[in-house]
N, C-alpha and C. Protein backbone atom coordinates (compact mmCIF):
# COMPACT_ATOMS: atom_id res chain seq x y z
N MET A 1 -118.65 -38.37 -146.08
CA MET A 1 -119.26 -39.68 -146.14
C MET A 1 -120.69 -39.53 -146.64
N ARG A 2 -121.08 -40.35 -147.60
CA ARG A 2 -122.44 -40.30 -148.13
C ARG A 2 -123.09 -41.66 -147.95
N CYS A 3 -124.36 -41.64 -147.72
CA CYS A 3 -125.11 -42.88 -147.53
C CYS A 3 -126.33 -42.82 -148.42
N PHE A 4 -126.52 -43.84 -149.24
CA PHE A 4 -127.66 -43.88 -150.14
C PHE A 4 -128.47 -45.15 -149.87
N LEU A 5 -129.76 -45.02 -149.94
CA LEU A 5 -130.64 -46.18 -149.80
C LEU A 5 -131.18 -46.54 -151.17
N ARG A 6 -131.21 -47.82 -151.46
CA ARG A 6 -131.71 -48.25 -152.76
C ARG A 6 -133.23 -48.34 -152.78
N SER A 7 -133.83 -48.48 -151.62
CA SER A 7 -135.29 -48.53 -151.56
C SER A 7 -135.76 -47.79 -150.32
N ALA A 8 -137.03 -47.48 -150.28
CA ALA A 8 -137.58 -46.76 -149.14
C ALA A 8 -137.45 -47.61 -147.87
N ALA A 9 -137.00 -46.97 -146.81
CA ALA A 9 -136.86 -47.67 -145.54
C ALA A 9 -138.23 -47.90 -144.92
N GLY A 10 -138.42 -49.07 -144.38
CA GLY A 10 -139.69 -49.38 -143.72
C GLY A 10 -139.58 -49.16 -142.23
N VAL A 11 -140.67 -48.78 -141.61
CA VAL A 11 -140.70 -48.58 -140.17
C VAL A 11 -141.44 -49.75 -139.55
N VAL A 12 -140.83 -50.36 -138.55
CA VAL A 12 -141.43 -51.49 -137.85
C VAL A 12 -141.93 -50.99 -136.50
N GLU A 13 -143.23 -51.14 -136.25
CA GLU A 13 -143.82 -50.67 -135.00
C GLU A 13 -143.18 -51.39 -133.81
N GLY A 14 -142.83 -50.61 -132.78
CA GLY A 14 -142.24 -51.16 -131.57
C GLY A 14 -140.73 -51.31 -131.62
N LYS A 15 -140.10 -51.09 -132.76
CA LYS A 15 -138.66 -51.21 -132.87
C LYS A 15 -138.01 -49.86 -132.59
N ALA A 16 -136.90 -49.86 -131.83
CA ALA A 16 -136.19 -48.62 -131.54
C ALA A 16 -135.34 -48.20 -132.74
N TYR A 17 -135.33 -46.91 -133.02
CA TYR A 17 -134.50 -46.36 -134.09
C TYR A 17 -133.62 -45.27 -133.49
N TRP A 18 -132.32 -45.31 -133.78
CA TRP A 18 -131.38 -44.35 -133.24
C TRP A 18 -130.88 -43.44 -134.35
N GLY A 19 -130.60 -42.19 -133.99
CA GLY A 19 -130.13 -41.22 -134.97
C GLY A 19 -128.62 -41.21 -135.15
N SER A 20 -127.92 -42.11 -134.47
CA SER A 20 -126.48 -42.14 -134.57
C SER A 20 -125.99 -43.52 -134.17
N VAL A 21 -124.69 -43.66 -134.12
CA VAL A 21 -124.09 -44.93 -133.71
C VAL A 21 -123.08 -44.67 -132.62
N PHE A 22 -122.75 -45.68 -131.84
CA PHE A 22 -121.77 -45.56 -130.76
C PHE A 22 -120.46 -46.20 -131.17
N ARG A 23 -119.88 -45.74 -132.24
CA ARG A 23 -118.59 -46.25 -132.69
C ARG A 23 -117.90 -45.15 -133.48
N GLY A 24 -116.59 -45.24 -133.52
CA GLY A 24 -115.82 -44.26 -134.27
C GLY A 24 -115.83 -44.57 -135.76
N PHE A 25 -115.45 -43.58 -136.54
CA PHE A 25 -115.40 -43.77 -137.99
C PHE A 25 -113.99 -44.11 -138.46
N THR A 26 -113.03 -44.09 -137.54
CA THR A 26 -111.66 -44.40 -137.91
C THR A 26 -111.12 -45.48 -136.99
N ASP A 27 -109.91 -45.91 -137.25
CA ASP A 27 -109.26 -46.89 -136.40
C ASP A 27 -108.52 -46.23 -135.24
N GLU A 28 -108.59 -44.90 -135.15
CA GLU A 28 -107.92 -44.18 -134.08
C GLU A 28 -108.55 -44.54 -132.73
N LYS A 29 -107.71 -44.71 -131.71
CA LYS A 29 -108.20 -45.02 -130.37
C LYS A 29 -109.02 -43.84 -129.84
N GLU A 30 -110.15 -44.14 -129.20
CA GLU A 30 -111.02 -43.11 -128.64
C GLU A 30 -110.30 -42.33 -127.55
N TRP A 31 -110.56 -41.02 -127.46
CA TRP A 31 -110.03 -40.18 -126.40
C TRP A 31 -110.92 -38.96 -126.26
N GLY A 32 -110.73 -38.23 -125.18
CA GLY A 32 -111.52 -37.03 -124.93
C GLY A 32 -110.62 -35.90 -124.46
N LEU A 33 -111.23 -34.74 -124.26
CA LEU A 33 -110.45 -33.56 -123.93
C LEU A 33 -111.30 -32.57 -123.15
N ILE A 34 -110.73 -32.03 -122.09
CA ILE A 34 -111.31 -30.87 -121.40
C ILE A 34 -110.39 -29.70 -121.74
N LYS A 35 -110.98 -28.64 -122.27
CA LYS A 35 -110.18 -27.51 -122.74
C LYS A 35 -110.68 -26.23 -122.07
N ALA A 36 -109.74 -25.45 -121.50
CA ALA A 36 -110.06 -24.14 -120.93
C ALA A 36 -109.69 -23.08 -121.95
N MET A 37 -110.66 -22.19 -122.20
CA MET A 37 -110.44 -21.14 -123.20
C MET A 37 -110.77 -19.78 -122.61
N ASP A 38 -110.08 -18.76 -123.08
CA ASP A 38 -110.40 -17.39 -122.74
C ASP A 38 -111.65 -17.01 -123.55
N PRO A 39 -112.76 -16.64 -122.89
CA PRO A 39 -113.98 -16.37 -123.63
C PRO A 39 -113.92 -15.12 -124.51
N LEU A 40 -112.98 -14.22 -124.24
CA LEU A 40 -112.87 -13.00 -125.03
C LEU A 40 -112.01 -13.16 -126.27
N THR A 41 -110.99 -14.02 -126.18
CA THR A 41 -110.05 -14.16 -127.30
C THR A 41 -110.11 -15.54 -127.96
N ALA A 42 -110.80 -16.49 -127.33
CA ALA A 42 -110.86 -17.89 -127.78
C ALA A 42 -109.50 -18.57 -127.72
N GLU A 43 -108.56 -17.97 -127.00
CA GLU A 43 -107.24 -18.57 -126.82
C GLU A 43 -107.34 -19.76 -125.88
N THR A 44 -106.70 -20.87 -126.25
CA THR A 44 -106.66 -22.04 -125.38
C THR A 44 -105.70 -21.78 -124.24
N LYS A 45 -106.19 -21.92 -123.00
CA LYS A 45 -105.35 -21.72 -121.82
C LYS A 45 -104.66 -23.01 -121.40
N TRP A 46 -105.40 -24.14 -121.44
CA TRP A 46 -104.83 -25.45 -121.16
C TRP A 46 -105.76 -26.53 -121.67
N GLU A 47 -105.23 -27.72 -121.79
CA GLU A 47 -105.99 -28.90 -122.21
C GLU A 47 -105.65 -30.06 -121.28
N PHE A 48 -106.66 -30.86 -120.98
CA PHE A 48 -106.47 -32.05 -120.15
C PHE A 48 -107.05 -33.22 -120.93
N ARG A 49 -106.20 -34.14 -121.32
CA ARG A 49 -106.62 -35.26 -122.17
C ARG A 49 -107.19 -36.39 -121.32
N LEU A 50 -108.28 -37.00 -121.80
CA LEU A 50 -108.95 -38.11 -121.14
C LEU A 50 -108.79 -39.38 -121.97
N ASN A 51 -108.87 -40.53 -121.31
CA ASN A 51 -108.73 -41.81 -122.01
C ASN A 51 -109.91 -42.12 -122.92
N LYS A 52 -111.07 -41.56 -122.61
CA LYS A 52 -112.27 -41.77 -123.43
C LYS A 52 -113.00 -40.44 -123.57
N ALA A 53 -113.89 -40.37 -124.54
CA ALA A 53 -114.70 -39.17 -124.71
C ALA A 53 -115.61 -39.00 -123.49
N PRO A 54 -115.69 -37.78 -122.94
CA PRO A 54 -116.54 -37.57 -121.76
C PRO A 54 -118.01 -37.50 -122.11
N TRP A 55 -118.86 -37.96 -121.21
CA TRP A 55 -120.30 -37.91 -121.39
C TRP A 55 -120.96 -36.96 -120.40
N SER A 56 -120.18 -36.39 -119.50
CA SER A 56 -120.76 -35.52 -118.48
C SER A 56 -120.25 -34.10 -118.64
N GLY A 57 -120.91 -33.20 -117.93
CA GLY A 57 -120.47 -31.82 -117.91
C GLY A 57 -119.38 -31.62 -116.88
N VAL A 58 -118.87 -30.43 -116.83
CA VAL A 58 -117.86 -30.07 -115.84
C VAL A 58 -118.44 -29.01 -114.92
N LEU A 59 -117.86 -28.89 -113.75
CA LEU A 59 -118.30 -27.90 -112.76
C LEU A 59 -117.10 -27.04 -112.40
N SER A 60 -117.21 -25.73 -112.64
CA SER A 60 -116.13 -24.83 -112.25
C SER A 60 -116.59 -24.03 -111.03
N THR A 61 -115.65 -23.75 -110.14
CA THR A 61 -115.96 -23.04 -108.90
C THR A 61 -115.30 -21.67 -108.89
N ALA A 62 -115.79 -20.81 -108.00
CA ALA A 62 -115.20 -19.48 -107.84
C ALA A 62 -113.77 -19.56 -107.34
N GLY A 63 -113.41 -20.66 -106.70
CA GLY A 63 -112.05 -20.85 -106.20
C GLY A 63 -111.07 -21.33 -107.26
N GLY A 64 -111.52 -21.45 -108.51
CA GLY A 64 -110.62 -21.82 -109.60
C GLY A 64 -110.40 -23.31 -109.77
N VAL A 65 -111.26 -24.13 -109.17
CA VAL A 65 -111.16 -25.58 -109.32
C VAL A 65 -112.25 -26.04 -110.28
N LEU A 66 -111.89 -26.95 -111.17
CA LEU A 66 -112.83 -27.53 -112.12
C LEU A 66 -112.99 -29.01 -111.77
N PHE A 67 -114.23 -29.47 -111.58
CA PHE A 67 -114.51 -30.87 -111.30
C PHE A 67 -115.09 -31.52 -112.54
N ALA A 68 -114.67 -32.75 -112.80
CA ALA A 68 -115.15 -33.49 -113.96
C ALA A 68 -115.16 -34.98 -113.63
N THR A 69 -115.98 -35.72 -114.36
CA THR A 69 -115.99 -37.18 -114.23
C THR A 69 -115.57 -37.79 -115.55
N ALA A 70 -115.18 -39.06 -115.50
CA ALA A 70 -114.72 -39.74 -116.71
C ALA A 70 -115.38 -41.11 -116.81
N LEU A 71 -115.46 -41.62 -118.01
CA LEU A 71 -116.07 -42.93 -118.24
C LEU A 71 -115.32 -44.07 -117.58
N ASP A 72 -114.04 -43.84 -117.22
CA ASP A 72 -113.27 -44.91 -116.56
C ASP A 72 -113.49 -44.94 -115.05
N GLY A 73 -114.45 -44.14 -114.53
CA GLY A 73 -114.82 -44.21 -113.13
C GLY A 73 -114.16 -43.20 -112.23
N TYR A 74 -113.42 -42.26 -112.78
CA TYR A 74 -112.71 -41.29 -111.95
C TYR A 74 -113.45 -39.96 -111.83
N LEU A 75 -113.39 -39.39 -110.63
CA LEU A 75 -113.77 -38.01 -110.37
C LEU A 75 -112.47 -37.24 -110.27
N MET A 76 -112.37 -36.13 -111.01
CA MET A 76 -111.14 -35.36 -111.04
C MET A 76 -111.38 -33.92 -110.64
N ALA A 77 -110.40 -33.33 -109.98
CA ALA A 77 -110.37 -31.90 -109.69
C ALA A 77 -109.15 -31.35 -110.41
N LEU A 78 -109.39 -30.38 -111.28
CA LEU A 78 -108.29 -29.77 -112.04
C LEU A 78 -108.07 -28.36 -111.52
N ASP A 79 -106.81 -27.96 -111.38
CA ASP A 79 -106.51 -26.62 -110.90
C ASP A 79 -106.54 -25.62 -112.06
N GLN A 80 -106.20 -24.37 -111.77
CA GLN A 80 -106.28 -23.30 -112.78
C GLN A 80 -105.32 -23.49 -113.95
N ASP A 81 -104.35 -24.39 -113.79
CA ASP A 81 -103.41 -24.66 -114.88
C ASP A 81 -103.73 -25.96 -115.61
N GLY A 82 -104.86 -26.58 -115.26
CA GLY A 82 -105.26 -27.82 -115.91
C GLY A 82 -104.56 -29.05 -115.38
N GLN A 83 -103.93 -28.94 -114.23
CA GLN A 83 -103.25 -30.08 -113.62
C GLN A 83 -104.22 -30.79 -112.68
N ALA A 84 -104.12 -32.11 -112.61
CA ALA A 84 -105.01 -32.90 -111.75
C ALA A 84 -104.58 -32.73 -110.29
N ALA A 85 -105.40 -32.01 -109.52
CA ALA A 85 -105.15 -31.84 -108.09
C ALA A 85 -105.72 -33.03 -107.33
N LEU A 86 -106.68 -33.72 -107.92
CA LEU A 86 -107.31 -34.91 -107.32
C LEU A 86 -107.77 -35.81 -108.44
N LYS A 87 -107.53 -37.09 -108.28
CA LYS A 87 -108.07 -38.09 -109.21
C LYS A 87 -108.52 -39.26 -108.34
N PHE A 88 -109.84 -39.36 -108.14
CA PHE A 88 -110.42 -40.32 -107.21
C PHE A 88 -111.17 -41.40 -107.97
N ASN A 89 -110.80 -42.66 -107.76
CA ASN A 89 -111.50 -43.77 -108.40
C ASN A 89 -112.74 -44.08 -107.57
N THR A 90 -113.91 -43.86 -108.14
CA THR A 90 -115.17 -44.06 -107.42
C THR A 90 -115.54 -45.53 -107.30
N GLY A 91 -114.90 -46.37 -108.11
CA GLY A 91 -115.25 -47.78 -108.11
C GLY A 91 -116.40 -48.12 -109.04
N PHE A 92 -116.93 -47.10 -109.72
CA PHE A 92 -118.03 -47.32 -110.65
C PHE A 92 -117.63 -46.82 -112.03
N SER A 93 -118.01 -47.55 -113.03
CA SER A 93 -117.70 -47.15 -114.39
C SER A 93 -118.82 -47.65 -115.29
N PRO A 94 -119.29 -46.90 -116.22
CA PRO A 94 -118.86 -45.55 -116.59
C PRO A 94 -119.56 -44.48 -115.75
N LEU A 95 -118.90 -43.34 -115.58
CA LEU A 95 -119.52 -42.18 -114.93
C LEU A 95 -120.05 -41.26 -116.02
N LYS A 96 -121.34 -41.03 -116.01
CA LYS A 96 -121.95 -40.17 -117.02
C LYS A 96 -122.61 -38.95 -116.40
N GLY A 97 -122.71 -38.91 -115.07
CA GLY A 97 -123.35 -37.78 -114.40
C GLY A 97 -122.37 -36.66 -114.10
N SER A 98 -122.90 -35.45 -114.06
CA SER A 98 -122.07 -34.29 -113.77
C SER A 98 -122.04 -34.01 -112.28
N PRO A 99 -120.89 -33.61 -111.75
CA PRO A 99 -120.81 -33.25 -110.33
C PRO A 99 -121.57 -31.95 -110.06
N ILE A 100 -122.09 -31.82 -108.84
CA ILE A 100 -122.75 -30.59 -108.42
C ILE A 100 -122.18 -30.19 -107.07
N THR A 101 -122.37 -28.94 -106.70
CA THR A 101 -121.92 -28.46 -105.40
C THR A 101 -123.06 -27.74 -104.70
N PHE A 102 -123.03 -27.78 -103.38
CA PHE A 102 -124.03 -27.09 -102.57
C PHE A 102 -123.42 -26.75 -101.23
N GLU A 103 -124.12 -25.91 -100.46
CA GLU A 103 -123.61 -25.48 -99.17
C GLU A 103 -124.67 -25.71 -98.09
N ILE A 104 -124.23 -26.23 -96.96
CA ILE A 104 -125.09 -26.41 -95.79
C ILE A 104 -124.32 -25.90 -94.58
N GLY A 105 -124.92 -24.96 -93.85
CA GLY A 105 -124.30 -24.46 -92.63
C GLY A 105 -122.93 -23.87 -92.84
N GLY A 106 -122.69 -23.25 -93.97
CA GLY A 106 -121.39 -22.64 -94.24
C GLY A 106 -120.33 -23.59 -94.75
N ARG A 107 -120.66 -24.86 -94.94
CA ARG A 107 -119.71 -25.85 -95.45
C ARG A 107 -120.11 -26.24 -96.88
N GLN A 108 -119.15 -26.26 -97.78
CA GLN A 108 -119.41 -26.60 -99.18
C GLN A 108 -119.19 -28.09 -99.40
N TYR A 109 -120.10 -28.69 -100.19
CA TYR A 109 -120.05 -30.11 -100.50
C TYR A 109 -120.06 -30.31 -102.01
N LEU A 110 -119.46 -31.41 -102.43
CA LEU A 110 -119.48 -31.85 -103.83
C LEU A 110 -120.15 -33.21 -103.85
N THR A 111 -121.10 -33.39 -104.75
CA THR A 111 -121.79 -34.67 -104.82
C THR A 111 -122.00 -35.07 -106.27
N MET A 112 -122.16 -36.37 -106.47
CA MET A 112 -122.39 -36.88 -107.83
C MET A 112 -122.95 -38.29 -107.74
N GLY A 113 -123.70 -38.66 -108.74
CA GLY A 113 -124.17 -40.03 -108.85
C GLY A 113 -123.06 -40.90 -109.39
N SER A 114 -122.98 -42.12 -108.87
CA SER A 114 -121.95 -43.06 -109.33
C SER A 114 -122.56 -44.46 -109.27
N GLY A 115 -122.94 -44.98 -110.43
CA GLY A 115 -123.63 -46.27 -110.46
C GLY A 115 -124.98 -46.12 -109.77
N ALA A 116 -125.27 -46.99 -108.83
CA ALA A 116 -126.51 -46.91 -108.06
C ALA A 116 -126.31 -46.16 -106.75
N SER A 117 -125.18 -45.48 -106.60
CA SER A 117 -124.85 -44.78 -105.36
C SER A 117 -124.73 -43.29 -105.60
N VAL A 118 -124.73 -42.55 -104.49
CA VAL A 118 -124.44 -41.12 -104.52
C VAL A 118 -123.22 -40.91 -103.63
N ILE A 119 -122.21 -40.22 -104.16
CA ILE A 119 -120.98 -39.95 -103.42
C ILE A 119 -120.94 -38.46 -103.11
N THR A 120 -120.66 -38.14 -101.85
CA THR A 120 -120.61 -36.74 -101.42
C THR A 120 -119.32 -36.50 -100.63
N PHE A 121 -118.66 -35.38 -100.94
CA PHE A 121 -117.43 -34.98 -100.26
C PHE A 121 -117.65 -33.62 -99.62
N ALA A 122 -117.14 -33.42 -98.42
CA ALA A 122 -117.06 -32.08 -97.83
C ALA A 122 -115.76 -31.47 -98.31
N LEU A 123 -115.82 -30.28 -98.89
CA LEU A 123 -114.62 -29.64 -99.41
C LEU A 123 -113.85 -28.94 -98.30
N ALA A 124 -112.57 -28.80 -98.47
CA ALA A 124 -111.71 -28.15 -97.49
C ALA A 124 -112.15 -26.70 -97.29
N ARG A 125 -112.04 -26.24 -96.08
CA ARG A 125 -112.43 -24.85 -95.79
C ARG A 125 -111.34 -23.90 -96.20
């Protein structure tokens, strides 16, 4: 795709300018993907398709669970095979924040921002 300007673009003080657009270039329905790869061989181990492109990062744990959020308001836990072990509707959409984990008193917690709220779960021992 090429874009040409016929005249020099003018800059208007106080006006916001963006370096991209928030729309697709095709008529294809938007979707996203979480992909697990072997870092040594680049072999794809599994893929988990999302209804929309994700805006947040993922969190992987030593126990083999991957946590992710989606723009449709869901917090998901994926197992080592890429299967959804948990899909929790937070009631807020879109989710753009990444989940984090921490430990207090020997108990592990998962927390994330969701809208104007913070949601925290105690993980199973």
